């Protein structure tokens, strides 16, 4: 597996990481613990060194799973986790979504708890999961800076933050990586975020690099999503929207056929070709999908290939919002 470096602090990780959320949360029933541990350890054996989790995934159960799986190989891997939600309260009156909380005291509590669940003495990369409008980002960055000085955290990250917030945080504590959604069917980061990251020397970790599974070509307008699968509430994945949005999958299929690859591999290879400091973190619960995704690191797209993809993609108008109403407001602050 090739490696890439995130940020100016020299955080070296595998070119493709593993998003672990889906093993415990979001896509229906969680996998059995033994099955999740086996998949994570298989990823390590295949050269993956970058694993992503968060306290809110479960809550808590995903960190526990990742901790158990990686404890025997802790010296070979980079673990990223996140703070920023308060799982004890729901200020929206029964929305089923925890409220934001990035107060410094809460950050310290979360980190101590995460360290225990992850069975480690230090968190390699600690992200603010979502920007909290009630807490100045300078206070957040300052709290993480103190945790770094205390040896509990190595690197600071942000998730779904806007350019101005990134700059303000970076001035207090250098930001190693931004984690936000980016893929062939969500390209808004190209407008302002990518130039900002390049200027400041910050790495980019795209989540949902396969469009929450849609870009694999395994979902069409007839696919039924279970009620406990959060994708069933995403407007862009509503059946009528899917029918239109399959145009981007058709494009990936066309390119994949010419490369002897799969649509998922082309989608990931496209991301890797954008910048040398981009590290996608596709998630999966299936071993053969893990293997498929990792092969993408060896798929080469030429400048001509990239121009062809961009030209074709520019003619596709995607339908549907990427989040249900009320969730998009948590991004881009």
Protein backbone atom coordinates (compact mmCIF):
# COMPACT_ATOMS: atom_id res chain seq x y z
CA UNK A 1 0.00 0.00 0.00
CA UNK A 2 1.29 3.45 -0.91
CA UNK A 3 1.41 6.10 1.80
CA UNK A 4 0.58 9.79 1.90
CA UNK A 5 1.33 12.58 4.36
CA UNK A 6 -1.37 14.69 6.00
CA UNK A 7 -0.43 18.19 7.10
CA UNK A 8 2.96 19.69 7.82
CA UNK A 9 3.48 17.63 10.97
CA UNK A 10 4.43 14.51 9.04
CA UNK A 11 1.40 12.31 9.75
CA UNK A 12 2.02 9.44 7.33
CA UNK A 13 -0.90 7.14 6.55
CA UNK A 14 -1.93 4.59 3.94
CA UNK A 15 -3.22 6.19 0.73
CA UNK A 16 -6.64 4.72 1.48
CA UNK A 17 -7.95 4.44 5.03
CA UNK A 18 -10.90 2.60 6.52
CA UNK A 19 -13.99 4.40 7.76
CA UNK A 20 -15.23 2.17 10.58
CA UNK A 21 -18.60 3.81 11.33
CA UNK A 22 -20.70 1.38 9.31
CA UNK A 23 -19.51 -1.57 11.36
CA UNK A 24 -21.50 -0.27 14.33
CA UNK A 25 -23.81 2.50 13.22
CA UNK A 26 -25.85 4.07 10.45
CA UNK A 27 -26.29 1.29 7.90
CA UNK A 28 -28.66 -1.01 9.74
CA UNK A 29 -27.81 -3.54 12.47
CA UNK A 30 -24.17 -3.54 13.61
CA UNK A 31 -21.96 -6.42 12.59
CA UNK A 32 -21.02 -9.02 15.18
CA UNK A 33 -18.00 -7.93 17.21
CA UNK A 34 -15.82 -10.81 16.02
CA UNK A 35 -16.72 -10.08 12.42
CA UNK A 36 -15.84 -6.39 12.80
CA UNK A 37 -12.53 -7.19 14.47
CA UNK A 38 -11.64 -9.64 11.71
CA UNK A 39 -12.38 -7.08 8.99
CA UNK A 40 -10.31 -4.36 10.67
CA UNK A 41 -7.38 -6.72 11.19
CA UNK A 42 -7.66 -7.91 7.60
CA UNK A 43 -7.36 -4.26 6.54
CA UNK A 44 -4.15 -3.99 8.58
CA UNK A 45 -2.79 -7.12 6.91
CA UNK A 46 -3.54 -5.53 3.53
CA UNK A 47 -1.53 -2.42 4.37
CA UNK A 48 -4.15 -0.05 5.77
CA UNK A 49 -2.69 2.07 8.56
CA UNK A 50 -5.41 4.73 8.91
CA UNK A 51 -8.62 3.99 10.82
CA UNK A 52 -11.47 6.42 11.46
CA UNK A 53 -14.03 6.32 14.25
CA UNK A 54 -15.92 8.69 16.60
CA UNK A 55 -17.46 8.61 20.05
CA UNK A 56 -20.91 9.30 18.61
CA UNK A 57 -20.84 6.20 16.39
CA UNK A 58 -23.01 3.91 18.45
CA UNK A 59 -22.56 5.98 20.59
CA UNK A 60 -19.32 4.58 21.94
CA UNK A 61 -19.53 1.04 20.51
CA UNK A 62 -17.48 1.82 17.41
CA UNK A 63 -14.56 3.18 19.41
CA UNK A 64 -14.71 0.06 21.60
CA UNK A 65 -14.64 -2.18 18.52
CA UNK A 66 -11.77 -0.29 16.92
CA UNK A 67 -9.85 -0.33 20.18
CA UNK A 68 -10.17 -4.10 20.57
CA UNK A 69 -9.27 -4.75 16.95
CA UNK A 70 -6.20 -2.51 16.84
CA UNK A 71 -4.73 -3.00 20.32
CA UNK A 72 -2.41 -5.84 19.20
CA UNK A 73 -1.07 -3.77 16.28
CA UNK A 74 -1.26 -0.32 17.85
CA UNK A 75 2.31 0.59 16.91
CA UNK A 76 1.54 0.02 13.21
CA UNK A 77 -1.58 2.15 12.81
CA UNK A 78 -2.98 5.68 13.01
CA UNK A 79 -6.29 6.08 14.84
CA UNK A 80 -8.52 9.09 14.23
CA UNK A 81 -11.54 9.85 16.38
CA UNK A 82 -13.81 12.84 17.00
CA UNK A 83 -15.46 14.99 19.64
CA UNK A 84 -18.12 17.64 19.28
CA UNK A 85 -21.46 16.10 20.13
CA UNK A 86 -23.16 15.77 23.50
CA UNK A 87 -24.73 12.33 23.52
CA UNK A 88 -26.54 13.07 26.79
CA UNK A 89 -28.88 15.71 25.39
CA UNK A 90 -31.09 16.40 22.41
CA UNK A 91 -31.89 20.13 22.24
CA UNK A 92 -34.13 19.76 19.21
CA UNK A 93 -36.91 18.13 21.14
CA UNK A 94 -36.88 14.52 20.07
CA UNK A 95 -35.10 14.80 16.72
CA UNK A 96 -33.05 11.75 17.65
CA UNK A 97 -29.85 13.68 17.05
CA UNK A 98 -27.43 14.63 19.85
CA UNK A 99 -26.67 18.29 20.39
CA UNK A 100 -23.34 19.98 19.72
CA UNK A 101 -20.87 20.51 22.53
CA UNK A 102 -17.29 21.65 21.98
CA UNK A 103 -16.74 23.36 25.30
CA UNK A 104 -13.12 22.79 26.38
CA UNK A 105 -14.13 20.93 29.56
CA UNK A 106 -16.28 18.59 27.51
CA UNK A 107 -13.47 18.01 24.99
CA UNK A 108 -11.17 16.93 27.81
CA UNK A 109 -13.82 14.55 29.18
CA UNK A 110 -14.44 13.03 25.76
CA UNK A 111 -10.74 12.49 25.10
CA UNK A 112 -10.20 10.71 28.41
CA UNK A 113 -13.15 8.43 27.72
CA UNK A 114 -12.09 7.80 24.12
CA UNK A 115 -8.57 6.85 25.20
CA UNK A 116 -10.01 4.13 27.42
CA UNK A 117 -12.36 2.80 24.77
CA UNK A 118 -9.61 2.83 22.15
CA UNK A 119 -7.20 1.08 24.54
CA UNK A 120 -4.44 3.51 23.78
CA UNK A 121 -2.38 6.20 25.51
CA UNK A 122 -2.63 8.72 22.69
CA UNK A 123 -5.06 9.63 19.90
CA UNK A 124 -3.16 10.15 16.67
CA UNK A 125 -5.68 12.52 15.04
CA UNK A 126 -8.48 14.22 16.95
CA UNK A 127 -11.18 15.95 14.91
CA UNK A 128 -13.87 18.37 15.95
CA UNK A 129 -16.82 16.46 14.47
CA UNK A 130 -18.89 19.55 13.65
CA UNK A 131 -18.27 23.23 14.31
CA UNK A 132 -20.11 24.44 17.41
CA UNK A 133 -21.43 27.99 16.87
CA UNK A 134 -21.66 28.49 20.63
CA UNK A 135 -17.94 27.95 21.25
CA UNK A 136 -15.27 30.11 19.55
CA UNK A 137 -13.07 27.91 17.37
CA UNK A 138 -10.03 29.53 19.03
CA UNK A 139 -11.17 28.00 22.34
CA UNK A 140 -11.57 24.61 20.69
CA UNK A 141 -8.14 24.76 19.07
CA UNK A 142 -6.64 25.93 22.33
CA UNK A 143 -8.12 22.98 24.23
CA UNK A 144 -6.72 20.53 21.68
CA UNK A 145 -3.36 22.30 21.83
CA UNK A 146 -3.29 21.65 25.58
CA UNK A 147 -4.15 17.98 25.00
CA UNK A 148 -1.30 17.72 22.51
CA UNK A 149 1.07 19.27 25.05
CA UNK A 150 -0.17 16.75 27.62
CA UNK A 151 0.66 13.87 25.28
CA UNK A 152 -2.93 12.66 24.92
CA UNK A 153 -3.31 13.76 21.28
CA UNK A 154 -0.83 14.02 18.43
CA UNK A 155 -2.65 15.95 15.68
CA UNK A 156 -5.68 18.27 15.39
CA UNK A 157 -8.36 17.98 12.74
CA UNK A 158 -11.67 19.54 11.74
CA UNK A 159 -14.69 18.05 10.01
CA UNK A 160 -17.06 19.85 7.62
CA UNK A 161 -15.65 23.24 8.66
CA UNK A 162 -15.74 26.31 6.43
CA UNK A 163 -12.64 28.08 5.13
CA UNK A 164 -12.79 30.98 7.61
CA UNK A 165 -13.10 28.60 10.56
CA UNK A 166 -10.18 26.53 9.28
CA UNK A 167 -7.98 29.62 9.13
CA UNK A 168 -8.95 30.76 12.62
CA UNK A 169 -8.31 27.33 14.13
CA UNK A 170 -5.03 26.90 12.26
CA UNK A 171 -3.72 30.18 13.68
CA UNK A 172 -4.03 28.76 17.20
CA UNK A 173 -3.08 25.11 16.64
CA UNK A 174 -1.93 23.84 13.23
CA UNK A 175 -4.64 21.75 11.63
CA UNK A 176 -3.32 18.48 10.22
CA UNK A 177 -6.41 17.38 8.30
CA UNK A 178 -9.92 18.36 7.34
CA UNK A 179 -12.45 15.57 7.01
CA UNK A 180 -15.45 16.43 4.82
CA UNK A 181 -17.58 14.79 2.18
CA UNK A 182 -16.03 14.80 -1.28
CA UNK A 183 -16.62 12.60 -4.29
CA UNK A 184 -17.64 12.73 -7.93
CA UNK A 185 -21.17 13.47 -6.80
CA UNK A 186 -20.32 16.07 -4.14
CA UNK A 187 -17.67 18.48 -5.42
CA UNK A 188 -18.39 21.63 -3.46
CA UNK A 189 -15.04 21.43 -1.58
CA UNK A 190 -13.34 22.34 -4.85
CA UNK A 191 -14.78 25.86 -4.70
CA UNK A 192 -13.10 27.19 -1.57
CA UNK A 193 -11.96 24.38 0.71
CA UNK A 194 -9.31 22.70 -1.43
CA UNK A 195 -7.51 25.99 -2.26
CA UNK A 196 -7.51 26.90 1.44
CA UNK A 197 -6.07 23.54 2.46
CA UNK A 198 -3.40 23.70 -0.23
CA UNK A 199 -2.36 27.20 0.86
CA UNK A 200 -2.12 26.21 4.53
CA UNK A 201 -0.58 22.77 4.02
CA UNK A 202 -3.52 20.83 5.49
CA UNK A 203 -4.43 17.31 4.39
CA UNK A 204 -7.89 16.32 3.22
CA UNK A 205 -9.73 13.16 4.27
CA UNK A 206 -12.89 12.66 2.19
CA UNK A 207 -15.65 10.69 3.88
CA UNK A 208 -18.38 9.04 1.80
CA UNK A 209 -15.96 8.88 -1.15
CA UNK A 210 -18.29 6.33 -2.76
CA UNK A 211 -21.42 8.43 -2.32
CA UNK A 212 -22.62 6.31 0.62
CA UNK A 213 -22.42 3.26 -1.61
CA UNK A 214 -24.23 4.72 -4.62
CA UNK A 215 -21.09 5.10 -6.73
CA UNK A 216 -20.35 1.38 -6.46
CA UNK A 217 -23.15 0.72 -8.94
CA UNK A 218 -24.85 -1.69 -6.54
CA UNK A 219 -27.78 0.64 -5.80
CA UNK A 220 -30.47 1.65 -8.28
CA UNK A 221 -34.01 3.04 -8.12
CA UNK A 222 -35.42 -0.38 -7.16
CA UNK A 223 -33.09 -0.94 -4.20
CA UNK A 224 -34.95 -0.98 -0.89
CA UNK A 225 -33.17 0.67 2.01
CA UNK A 226 -34.15 -0.47 5.50
CA UNK A 227 -35.77 2.01 7.89
CA UNK A 228 -32.73 1.83 10.20
CA UNK A 229 -30.38 2.62 7.30
CA UNK A 230 -29.80 6.39 7.49
CA UNK A 231 -29.52 6.52 3.70
CA UNK A 232 -33.27 5.98 3.52
CA UNK A 233 -33.67 9.59 4.73
CA UNK A 234 -31.24 11.19 2.28
CA UNK A 235 -33.01 13.10 -0.51
CA UNK A 236 -30.25 12.36 -3.02
CA UNK A 237 -30.90 8.65 -2.46
CA UNK A 238 -34.67 8.78 -2.76
CA UNK A 239 -35.87 6.38 -5.52
CA UNK A 240 -36.80 9.11 -8.03
CA UNK A 241 -33.51 10.94 -7.44
CA UNK A 242 -31.57 7.71 -7.84
CA UNK A 243 -33.10 7.16 -11.26
CA UNK A 244 -31.62 10.47 -12.45
CA UNK A 245 -28.39 10.20 -10.49
CA UNK A 246 -27.48 6.86 -12.05
CA UNK A 247 -25.98 8.95 -14.87
CA UNK A 248 -22.84 9.42 -12.79
CA UNK A 249 -22.64 5.66 -12.21
CA UNK A 250 -22.96 5.12 -15.96
CA UNK A 251 -19.97 7.42 -16.40
CA UNK A 252 -17.94 5.46 -13.86
CA UNK A 253 -18.90 2.18 -15.51
CA UNK A 254 -17.71 3.46 -18.86
CA UNK A 255 -14.32 4.49 -17.51
CA UNK A 256 -14.05 1.32 -15.44
CA UNK A 257 -14.58 -0.86 -18.51
CA UNK A 258 -11.65 0.81 -20.27
CA UNK A 259 -9.39 0.32 -17.25
CA UNK A 260 -10.35 -3.20 -16.26
CA UNK A 261 -11.60 -1.83 -12.96
CA UNK A 262 -14.87 -1.40 -11.06
CA UNK A 263 -16.90 1.82 -10.65
CA UNK A 264 -15.87 2.01 -6.99
CA UNK A 265 -12.20 1.77 -7.90
CA UNK A 266 -12.52 4.54 -10.47
CA UNK A 267 -14.36 6.77 -7.98
CA UNK A 268 -11.55 6.31 -5.44
CA UNK A 269 -8.78 6.61 -8.03
CA UNK A 270 -10.35 9.88 -9.20
CA UNK A 271 -10.12 11.26 -5.66
CA UNK A 272 -6.53 10.12 -5.23
CA UNK A 273 -5.62 11.83 -8.51
CA UNK A 274 -6.94 15.22 -7.40
CA UNK A 275 -4.19 16.02 -4.87
CA UNK A 276 -1.30 14.06 -3.32
CA UNK A 277 -2.53 15.03 0.14
CA UNK A 278 -6.01 13.53 -0.22
CA UNK A 279 -6.71 10.28 1.66
CA UNK A 280 -10.21 8.83 1.24
CA UNK A 281 -11.71 6.60 3.93
CA UNK A 282 -14.30 4.31 2.33
CA UNK A 283 -16.18 2.11 4.75
CA UNK A 284 -17.46 -1.41 4.30
CA UNK A 285 -18.66 -4.40 6.30
CA UNK A 286 -17.59 -6.93 3.67
CA UNK A 287 -14.12 -8.30 3.12
CA UNK A 288 -14.38 -8.53 -0.67
CA UNK A 289 -15.43 -4.87 -0.83
CA UNK A 290 -12.45 -3.94 1.34
CA UNK A 291 -10.15 -5.72 -1.09
CA UNK A 292 -11.86 -4.06 -4.06
CA UNK A 293 -11.50 -0.60 -2.54
CA UNK A 294 -7.83 -0.98 -1.72
CA UNK A 295 -6.96 -2.00 -5.29
CA UNK A 296 -8.00 1.54 -6.28
CA UNK A 297 -4.64 2.81 -4.99
CA UNK A 298 -2.98 1.11 -7.95
CA UNK A 299 -5.46 2.31 -10.61
CA UNK A 300 -3.86 5.09 -12.65
CA UNK A 301 -5.91 7.81 -14.32
CA UNK A 302 -4.04 9.94 -16.84
CA UNK A 303 -4.54 13.66 -17.30
CA UNK A 304 -6.59 12.79 -20.38
CA UNK A 305 -8.74 10.39 -18.34
CA UNK A 306 -9.38 13.08 -15.74
CA UNK A 307 -10.32 15.65 -18.38
CA UNK A 308 -12.72 13.18 -19.96
CA UNK A 309 -14.35 12.40 -16.61
CA UNK A 310 -14.67 16.10 -15.71
CA UNK A 311 -16.14 16.98 -19.08
CA UNK A 312 -18.72 14.20 -18.88
CA UNK A 313 -19.53 14.92 -15.22
CA UNK A 314 -20.11 18.61 -15.97
CA UNK A 315 -23.06 17.62 -18.16
CA UNK A 316 -24.78 15.68 -15.36
CA UNK A 317 -27.24 17.47 -13.08
CA UNK A 318 -27.66 15.54 -9.86
CA UNK A 319 -30.93 15.61 -7.95
CA UNK A 320 -31.58 15.76 -4.22
CA UNK A 321 -29.85 17.26 -1.20
CA UNK A 322 -27.02 15.31 0.41
CA UNK A 323 -28.59 15.53 3.88
CA UNK A 324 -32.13 15.58 5.27
CA UNK A 325 -33.49 18.99 6.18
CA UNK A 326 -31.79 20.39 9.26
CA UNK A 327 -28.53 18.47 8.98
CA UNK A 328 -26.87 20.52 6.25
CA UNK A 329 -26.87 23.48 8.65
CA UNK A 330 -24.22 21.64 10.69
CA UNK A 331 -21.73 21.86 7.83
CA UNK A 332 -19.61 24.56 6.26
CA UNK A 333 -19.53 26.88 9.26
